[in-house]
PDB file of N, CA and C in Angstrom:
ATOM      1  N   UNK A   1     280.410 171.452 158.237  1.00  0.00           N
ATOM      2  CA  UNK A   1     279.484 170.441 157.753  1.00  0.00           C
ATOM      3  C   UNK A   1     278.327 171.145 157.052  1.00  0.00           C
ATOM      4  N   UNK A   2     277.736 170.508 156.078  1.00  0.00           N
ATOM      5  CA  UNK A   2     276.645 171.130 155.339  1.00  0.00           C
ATOM      6  C   UNK A   2     275.597 170.094 154.953  1.00  0.00           C
ATOM      7  N   UNK A   3     274.420 170.556 154.620  1.00  0.00           N
ATOM      8  CA  UNK A   3     273.348 169.696 154.137  1.00  0.00           C
ATOM      9  C   UNK A   3     273.692 169.315 152.699  1.00  0.00           C
ATOM     10  N   UNK A   4     273.635 168.029 152.351  1.00  0.00           N
ATOM     11  CA  UNK A   4     273.973 167.627 150.985  1.00  0.00           C
ATOM     12  C   UNK A   4     272.887 168.044 149.988  1.00  0.00           C
ATOM     13  N   UNK A   5     273.234 168.074 148.718  1.00  0.00           N
ATOM     14  CA  UNK A   5     272.233 168.359 147.683  1.00  0.00           C
ATOM     15  C   UNK A   5     271.101 167.347 147.800  1.00  0.00           C
ATOM     16  N   UNK A   6     269.878 167.827 147.768  1.00  0.00           N
ATOM     17  CA  UNK A   6     268.704 166.976 147.932  1.00  0.00           C
ATOM     18  C   UNK A   6     268.297 166.791 149.383  1.00  0.00           C
ATOM     19  N   UNK A   7     269.110 167.282 150.321  1.00  0.00           N
ATOM     20  CA  UNK A   7     268.813 167.138 151.741  1.00  0.00           C
ATOM     21  C   UNK A   7     267.747 168.109 152.202  1.00  0.00           C
ATOM     22  N   UNK A   8     267.000 167.704 153.214  1.00  0.00           N
ATOM     23  CA  UNK A   8     265.935 168.527 153.781  1.00  0.00           C
ATOM     24  C   UNK A   8     266.346 168.909 155.199  1.00  0.00           C
ATOM     25  N   UNK A   9     266.090 170.168 155.563  1.00  0.00           N
ATOM     26  CA  UNK A   9     266.481 170.656 156.884  1.00  0.00           C
ATOM     27  C   UNK A   9     265.471 171.682 157.379  1.00  0.00           C
ATOM     28  N   UNK A  10     265.547 171.979 158.659  1.00  0.00           N
ATOM     29  CA  UNK A  10     264.720 173.014 159.285  1.00  0.00           C
ATOM     30  C   UNK A  10     265.647 174.149 159.689  1.00  0.00           C
ATOM     31  N   UNK A  11     265.254 175.379 159.370  1.00  0.00           N
ATOM     32  CA  UNK A  11     266.060 176.539 159.729  1.00  0.00           C
ATOM     33  C   UNK A  11     265.971 176.748 161.232  1.00  0.00           C
ATOM     34  N   UNK A  12     267.127 176.780 161.886  1.00  0.00           N
ATOM     35  CA  UNK A  12     267.177 177.002 163.331  1.00  0.00           C
ATOM     36  C   UNK A  12     267.490 178.450 163.666  1.00  0.00           C
ATOM     37  N   UNK A  13     268.362 179.083 162.889  1.00  0.00           N
ATOM     38  CA  UNK A  13     268.771 180.450 163.187  1.00  0.00           C
ATOM     39  C   UNK A  13     269.271 181.106 161.909  1.00  0.00           C
ATOM     40  N   UNK A  14     268.869 182.367 161.699  1.00  0.00           N
ATOM     41  CA  UNK A  14     269.360 183.120 160.549  1.00  0.00           C
ATOM     42  C   UNK A  14     270.224 184.267 161.065  1.00  0.00           C
ATOM     43  N   UNK A  15     271.115 184.779 160.220  1.00  0.00           N
ATOM     44  CA  UNK A  15     272.001 185.850 160.695  1.00  0.00           C
ATOM     45  C   UNK A  15     271.235 187.128 160.997  1.00  0.00           C
ATOM     46  N   UNK A  16     271.826 187.966 161.839  1.00  0.00           N
ATOM     47  CA  UNK A  16     271.251 189.267 162.171  1.00  0.00           C
ATOM     48  C   UNK A  16     271.649 190.276 161.114  1.00  0.00           C
ATOM     49  N   UNK A  17     271.031 191.406 161.138  1.00  0.00           N
ATOM     50  CA  UNK A  17     271.403 192.497 160.248  1.00  0.00           C
ATOM     51  C   UNK A  17     270.721 192.425 158.900  1.00  0.00           C
ATOM     52  N   UNK A  18     271.318 193.094 157.920  1.00  0.00           N
ATOM     53  CA  UNK A  18     270.714 193.208 156.596  1.00  0.00           C
ATOM     54  C   UNK A  18     270.550 191.859 155.913  1.00  0.00           C
ATOM     55  N   UNK A  19     271.528 190.966 156.071  1.00  0.00           N
ATOM     56  CA  UNK A  19     271.424 189.637 155.446  1.00  0.00           C
ATOM     57  C   UNK A  19     270.208 188.887 155.968  1.00  0.00           C
ATOM     58  N   UNK A  20     270.003 188.929 157.281  1.00  0.00           N
ATOM     59  CA  UNK A  20     268.857 188.259 157.877  1.00  0.00           C
ATOM     60  C   UNK A  20     267.541 188.866 157.436  1.00  0.00           C
ATOM     61  N   UNK A  21     267.511 190.193 157.303  1.00  0.00           N
ATOM     62  CA  UNK A  21     266.296 190.865 156.842  1.00  0.00           C
ATOM     63  C   UNK A  21     265.960 190.460 155.413  1.00  0.00           C
ATOM     64  N   UNK A  22     266.969 190.333 154.576  1.00  0.00           N
ATOM     65  CA  UNK A  22     266.724 189.919 153.183  1.00  0.00           C
ATOM     66  C   UNK A  22     266.210 188.480 153.119  1.00  0.00           C
ATOM     67  N   UNK A  23     266.792 187.615 153.946  1.00  0.00           N
ATOM     68  CA  UNK A  23     266.328 186.227 153.972  1.00  0.00           C
ATOM     69  C   UNK A  23     264.879 186.155 154.445  1.00  0.00           C
ATOM     70  N   UNK A  24     264.540 186.905 155.477  1.00  0.00           N
ATOM     71  CA  UNK A  24     263.159 186.925 155.976  1.00  0.00           C
ATOM     72  C   UNK A  24     262.201 187.471 154.926  1.00  0.00           C
ATOM     73  N   UNK A  25     262.639 188.463 154.160  1.00  0.00           N
ATOM     74  CA  UNK A  25     261.790 189.020 153.103  1.00  0.00           C
ATOM     75  C   UNK A  25     261.496 187.973 152.025  1.00  0.00           C
ATOM     76  N   UNK A  26     262.413 187.033 151.830  1.00  0.00           N
ATOM     77  CA  UNK A  26     262.197 185.956 150.849  1.00  0.00           C
ATOM     78  C   UNK A  26     261.362 184.819 151.429  1.00  0.00           C
ATOM     79  N   UNK A  27     261.143 184.854 152.760  1.00  0.00           N
ATOM     80  CA  UNK A  27     260.338 183.813 153.390  1.00  0.00           C
ATOM     81  C   UNK A  27     261.141 182.815 154.197  1.00  0.00           C
ATOM     82  N   UNK A  28     262.459 182.955 154.218  1.00  0.00           N
ATOM     83  CA  UNK A  28     263.289 182.066 155.013  1.00  0.00           C
ATOM     84  C   UNK A  28     263.276 182.544 156.451  1.00  0.00           C
ATOM     85  N   UNK A  29     262.605 181.788 157.303  1.00  0.00           N
ATOM     86  CA  UNK A  29     262.472 182.136 158.716  1.00  0.00           C
ATOM     87  C   UNK A  29     262.753 180.906 159.554  1.00  0.00           C
ATOM     88  N   UNK A  30     262.998 181.139 160.835  1.00  0.00           N
ATOM     89  CA  UNK A  30     263.227 180.033 161.761  1.00  0.00           C
ATOM     90  C   UNK A  30     262.016 179.102 161.765  1.00  0.00           C
ATOM     91  N   UNK A  31     262.268 177.829 161.886  1.00  0.00           N
ATOM     92  CA  UNK A  31     261.270 176.744 161.925  1.00  0.00           C
ATOM     93  C   UNK A  31     260.716 176.376 160.552  1.00  0.00           C
ATOM     94  N   UNK A  32     261.168 177.015 159.481  1.00  0.00           N
ATOM     95  CA  UNK A  32     260.720 176.662 158.133  1.00  0.00           C
ATOM     96  C   UNK A  32     261.532 175.485 157.618  1.00  0.00           C
ATOM     97  N   UNK A  33     260.864 174.585 156.882  1.00  0.00           N
ATOM     98  CA  UNK A  33     261.535 173.448 156.279  1.00  0.00           C
ATOM     99  C   UNK A  33     261.998 173.830 154.878  1.00  0.00           C
ATOM    100  N   UNK A  34     263.257 173.541 154.560  1.00  0.00           N
ATOM    101  CA  UNK A  34     263.804 173.846 153.246  1.00  0.00           C
ATOM    102  C   UNK A  34     264.482 172.604 152.682  1.00  0.00           C
ATOM    103  N   UNK A  35     264.651 172.611 151.377  1.00  0.00           N
ATOM    104  CA  UNK A  35     265.372 171.538 150.697  1.00  0.00           C
ATOM    105  C   UNK A  35     266.504 172.164 149.900  1.00  0.00           C
ATOM    106  N   UNK A  36     267.715 171.666 150.091  1.00  0.00           N
ATOM    107  CA  UNK A  36     268.849 172.159 149.313  1.00  0.00           C
ATOM    108  C   UNK A  36     268.818 171.456 147.963  1.00  0.00           C
ATOM    109  N   UNK A  37     268.707 172.229 146.906  1.00  0.00           N
ATOM    110  CA  UNK A  37     268.654 171.681 145.552  1.00  0.00           C
ATOM    111  C   UNK A  37     270.061 171.474 145.011  1.00  0.00           C
ATOM    112  N   UNK A  38     270.883 172.522 145.077  1.00  0.00           N
ATOM    113  CA  UNK A  38     272.246 172.405 144.563  1.00  0.00           C
ATOM    114  C   UNK A  38     273.120 173.506 145.133  1.00  0.00           C
ATOM    115  N   UNK A  39     274.399 173.301 145.007  1.00  0.00           N
ATOM    116  CA  UNK A  39     275.389 174.304 145.378  1.00  0.00           C
ATOM    117  C   UNK A  39     276.405 174.394 144.252  1.00  0.00           C
ATOM    118  N   UNK A  40     276.720 175.589 143.826  1.00  0.00           N
ATOM    119  CA  UNK A  40     277.665 175.777 142.743  1.00  0.00           C
ATOM    120  C   UNK A  40     279.092 175.633 143.271  1.00  0.00           C
ATOM    121  N   UNK A  41     280.009 175.161 142.444  1.00  0.00           N
ATOM    122  CA  UNK A  41     281.397 174.997 142.894  1.00  0.00           C
ATOM    123  C   UNK A  41     282.088 176.332 143.141  1.00  0.00           C
ATOM    124  N   UNK A  42     283.212 176.265 143.843  1.00  0.00           N
ATOM    125  CA  UNK A  42     284.039 177.441 144.124  1.00  0.00           C
ATOM    126  C   UNK A  42     283.263 178.514 144.881  1.00  0.00           C
ATOM    127  N   UNK A  43     282.503 178.087 145.886  1.00  0.00           N
ATOM    128  CA  UNK A  43     281.752 178.999 146.770  1.00  0.00           C
ATOM    129  C   UNK A  43     280.709 179.822 146.020  1.00  0.00           C
ATOM    130  N   UNK A  44     280.081 179.224 145.032  1.00  0.00           N
ATOM    131  CA  UNK A  44     279.009 179.887 144.304  1.00  0.00           C
ATOM    132  C   UNK A  44     277.713 179.818 145.090  1.00  0.00           C
ATOM    133  N   UNK A  45     276.617 180.330 144.531  1.00  0.00           N
ATOM    134  CA  UNK A  45     275.347 180.374 145.266  1.00  0.00           C
ATOM    135  C   UNK A  45     274.760 178.983 145.540  1.00  0.00           C
ATOM    136  N   UNK A  46     273.954 178.925 146.587  1.00  0.00           N
ATOM    137  CA  UNK A  46     273.242 177.717 146.997  1.00  0.00           C
ATOM    138  C   UNK A  46     271.790 177.888 146.569  1.00  0.00           C
ATOM    139  N   UNK A  47     271.224 176.879 145.911  1.00  0.00           N
ATOM    140  CA  UNK A  47     269.816 176.923 145.507  1.00  0.00           C
ATOM    141  C   UNK A  47     269.006 176.085 146.481  1.00  0.00           C
ATOM    142  N   UNK A  48     267.946 176.693 147.047  1.00  0.00           N
ATOM    143  CA  UNK A  48     267.073 175.995 147.983  1.00  0.00           C
ATOM    144  C   UNK A  48     265.622 176.084 147.517  1.00  0.00           C
ATOM    145  N   UNK A  49     264.825 175.135 147.975  1.00  0.00           N
ATOM    146  CA  UNK A  49     263.388 175.102 147.691  1.00  0.00           C
ATOM    147  C   UNK A  49     262.656 175.352 148.998  1.00  0.00           C
ATOM    148  N   UNK A  50     261.771 176.356 148.994  1.00  0.00           N
ATOM    149  CA  UNK A  50     260.989 176.708 150.175  1.00  0.00           C
ATOM    150  C   UNK A  50     259.578 177.037 149.730  1.00  0.00           C
ATOM    151  N   UNK A  51     258.612 176.323 150.254  1.00  0.00           N
ATOM    152  CA  UNK A  51     257.196 176.580 149.940  1.00  0.00           C
ATOM    153  C   UNK A  51     256.937 176.618 148.437  1.00  0.00           C
ATOM    154  N   UNK A  52     257.561 175.696 147.685  1.00  0.00           N
ATOM    155  CA  UNK A  52     257.329 175.602 146.249  1.00  0.00           C
ATOM    156  C   UNK A  52     258.057 176.635 145.410  1.00  0.00           C
ATOM    157  N   UNK A  53     258.927 177.436 146.032  1.00  0.00           N
ATOM    158  CA  UNK A  53     259.686 178.458 145.303  1.00  0.00           C
ATOM    159  C   UNK A  53     261.172 178.188 145.456  1.00  0.00           C
ATOM    160  N   UNK A  54     261.913 178.471 144.394  1.00  0.00           N
ATOM    161  CA  UNK A  54     263.354 178.294 144.397  1.00  0.00           C
ATOM    162  C   UNK A  54     264.041 179.622 144.681  1.00  0.00           C
ATOM    163  N   UNK A  55     265.105 179.576 145.510  1.00  0.00           N
ATOM    164  CA  UNK A  55     265.877 180.758 145.840  1.00  0.00           C
ATOM    165  C   UNK A  55     267.351 180.436 145.692  1.00  0.00           C
ATOM    166  N   UNK A  56     268.112 181.410 145.207  1.00  0.00           N
ATOM    167  CA  UNK A  56     269.567 181.302 145.196  1.00  0.00           C
ATOM    168  C   UNK A  56     270.088 182.207 146.301  1.00  0.00           C
ATOM    169  N   UNK A  57     270.931 181.646 147.151  1.00  0.00           N
ATOM    170  CA  UNK A  57     271.482 182.389 148.278  1.00  0.00           C
ATOM    171  C   UNK A  57     273.006 182.365 148.152  1.00  0.00           C
ATOM    172  N   UNK A  58     273.621 183.520 148.335  1.00  0.00           N
ATOM    173  CA  UNK A  58     275.072 183.606 148.267  1.00  0.00           C
ATOM    174  C   UNK A  58     275.705 182.652 149.279  1.00  0.00           C
ATOM    175  N   UNK A  59     276.799 182.043 148.891  1.00  0.00           N
ATOM    176  CA  UNK A  59     277.469 181.062 149.740  1.00  0.00           C
ATOM    177  C   UNK A  59     277.832 181.651 151.103  1.00  0.00           C
ATOM    178  N   UNK A  60     278.326 182.884 151.131  1.00  0.00           N
ATOM    179  CA  UNK A  60     278.721 183.513 152.384  1.00  0.00           C
ATOM    180  C   UNK A  60     277.562 183.687 153.347  1.00  0.00           C
ATOM    181  N   UNK A  61     276.399 184.053 152.817  1.00  0.00           N
ATOM    182  CA  UNK A  61     275.210 184.210 153.662  1.00  0.00           C
ATOM    183  C   UNK A  61     274.677 182.843 154.075  1.00  0.00           C
ATOM    184  N   UNK A  62     274.649 181.902 153.135  1.00  0.00           N
ATOM    185  CA  UNK A  62     274.151 180.557 153.441  1.00  0.00           C
ATOM    186  C   UNK A  62     274.981 179.902 154.548  1.00  0.00           C
ATOM    187  N   UNK A  63     276.275 180.200 154.590  1.00  0.00           N
ATOM    188  CA  UNK A  63     277.123 179.591 155.617  1.00  0.00           C
ATOM    189  C   UNK A  63     276.799 180.121 157.009  1.00  0.00           C
ATOM    190  N   UNK A  64     276.066 181.222 157.109  1.00  0.00           N
ATOM    191  CA  UNK A  64     275.692 181.798 158.402  1.00  0.00           C
ATOM    192  C   UNK A  64     274.320 181.332 158.876  1.00  0.00           C
ATOM    193  N   UNK A  65     273.596 180.616 158.036  1.00  0.00           N
ATOM    194  CA  UNK A  65     272.277 180.095 158.397  1.00  0.00           C
ATOM    195  C   UNK A  65     272.475 178.761 159.103  1.00  0.00           C
ATOM    196  N   UNK A  66     271.951 178.644 160.322  1.00  0.00           N
ATOM    197  CA  UNK A  66     272.068 177.402 161.071  1.00  0.00           C
ATOM    198  C   UNK A  66     270.801 176.588 160.858  1.00  0.00           C
ATOM    199  N   UNK A  67     270.976 175.329 160.447  1.00  0.00           N
ATOM    200  CA  UNK A  67     269.837 174.458 160.171  1.00  0.00           C
ATOM    201  C   UNK A  67     270.020 173.124 160.878  1.00  0.00           C
ATOM    202  N   UNK A  68     268.897 172.402 161.045  1.00  0.00           N
ATOM    203  CA  UNK A  68     268.948 171.040 161.578  1.00  0.00           C
ATOM    204  C   UNK A  68     268.583 170.088 160.447  1.00  0.00           C
ATOM    205  N   UNK A  69     269.488 169.187 160.137  1.00  0.00           N
ATOM    206  CA  UNK A  69     269.266 168.187 159.103  1.00  0.00           C
ATOM    207  C   UNK A  69     268.181 167.230 159.600  1.00  0.00           C
ATOM    208  N   UNK A  70     267.061 167.152 158.881  1.00  0.00           N
ATOM    209  CA  UNK A  70     265.931 166.329 159.336  1.00  0.00           C
ATOM    210  C   UNK A  70     266.255 164.843 159.285  1.00  0.00           C
ATOM    211  N   UNK A  71     266.884 164.409 158.216  1.00  0.00           N
ATOM    212  CA  UNK A  71     267.127 162.977 158.018  1.00  0.00           C
ATOM    213  C   UNK A  71     268.075 162.428 159.068  1.00  0.00           C
ATOM    214  N   UNK A  72     269.154 163.151 159.341  1.00  0.00           N
ATOM    215  CA  UNK A  72     270.160 162.627 160.252  1.00  0.00           C
ATOM    216  C   UNK A  72     270.084 163.240 161.644  1.00  0.00           C
ATOM    217  N   UNK A  73     269.140 164.172 161.879  1.00  0.00           N
ATOM    218  CA  UNK A  73     268.900 164.779 163.194  1.00  0.00           C
ATOM    219  C   UNK A  73     270.158 165.408 163.782  1.00  0.00           C
ATOM    220  N   UNK A  74     270.881 166.154 162.990  1.00  0.00           N
ATOM    221  CA  UNK A  74     272.063 166.838 163.492  1.00  0.00           C
ATOM    222  C   UNK A  74     271.985 168.293 163.110  1.00  0.00           C
ATOM    223  N   UNK A  75     272.614 169.140 163.885  1.00  0.00           N
ATOM    224  CA  UNK A  75     272.637 170.571 163.594  1.00  0.00           C
ATOM    225  C   UNK A  75     273.844 170.845 162.709  1.00  0.00           C
ATOM    226  N   UNK A  76     273.601 171.578 161.621  1.00  0.00           N
ATOM    227  CA  UNK A  76     274.690 171.931 160.717  1.00  0.00           C
ATOM    228  C   UNK A  76     274.725 173.442 160.592  1.00  0.00           C
ATOM    229  N   UNK A  77     275.881 173.982 160.256  1.00  0.00           N
ATOM    230  CA  UNK A  77     276.050 175.418 160.221  1.00  0.00           C
ATOM    231  C   UNK A  77     275.825 176.025 158.865  1.00  0.00           C
ATOM    232  N   UNK A  78     275.682 175.250 157.848  1.00  0.00           N
ATOM    233  CA  UNK A  78     275.628 175.780 156.505  1.00  0.00           C
ATOM    234  C   UNK A  78     274.571 175.054 155.681  1.00  0.00           C
ATOM    235  N   UNK A  79     273.910 175.787 154.815  1.00  0.00           N
ATOM    236  CA  UNK A  79     273.013 175.162 153.867  1.00  0.00           C
ATOM    237  C   UNK A  79     273.871 174.463 152.890  1.00  0.00           C
TER     238      UNK A  79
END
């Protein structure tokens, strides 16, 4: 399951290791609210909005970020 384009969610957990460090360096941390702008087809990058800045995150890394969908109050495994 994933957050739909235009959906807003709160980051619950980010992956460990280098991927998690890179996400934290961009400002993606637990408890931050993000908005999914778009996802490219065929497992392309996911574009998110965080604190007024846009980020593209690889599909493989985005699938490891656990978020809670704010609108529907459910936990999803992928941006």
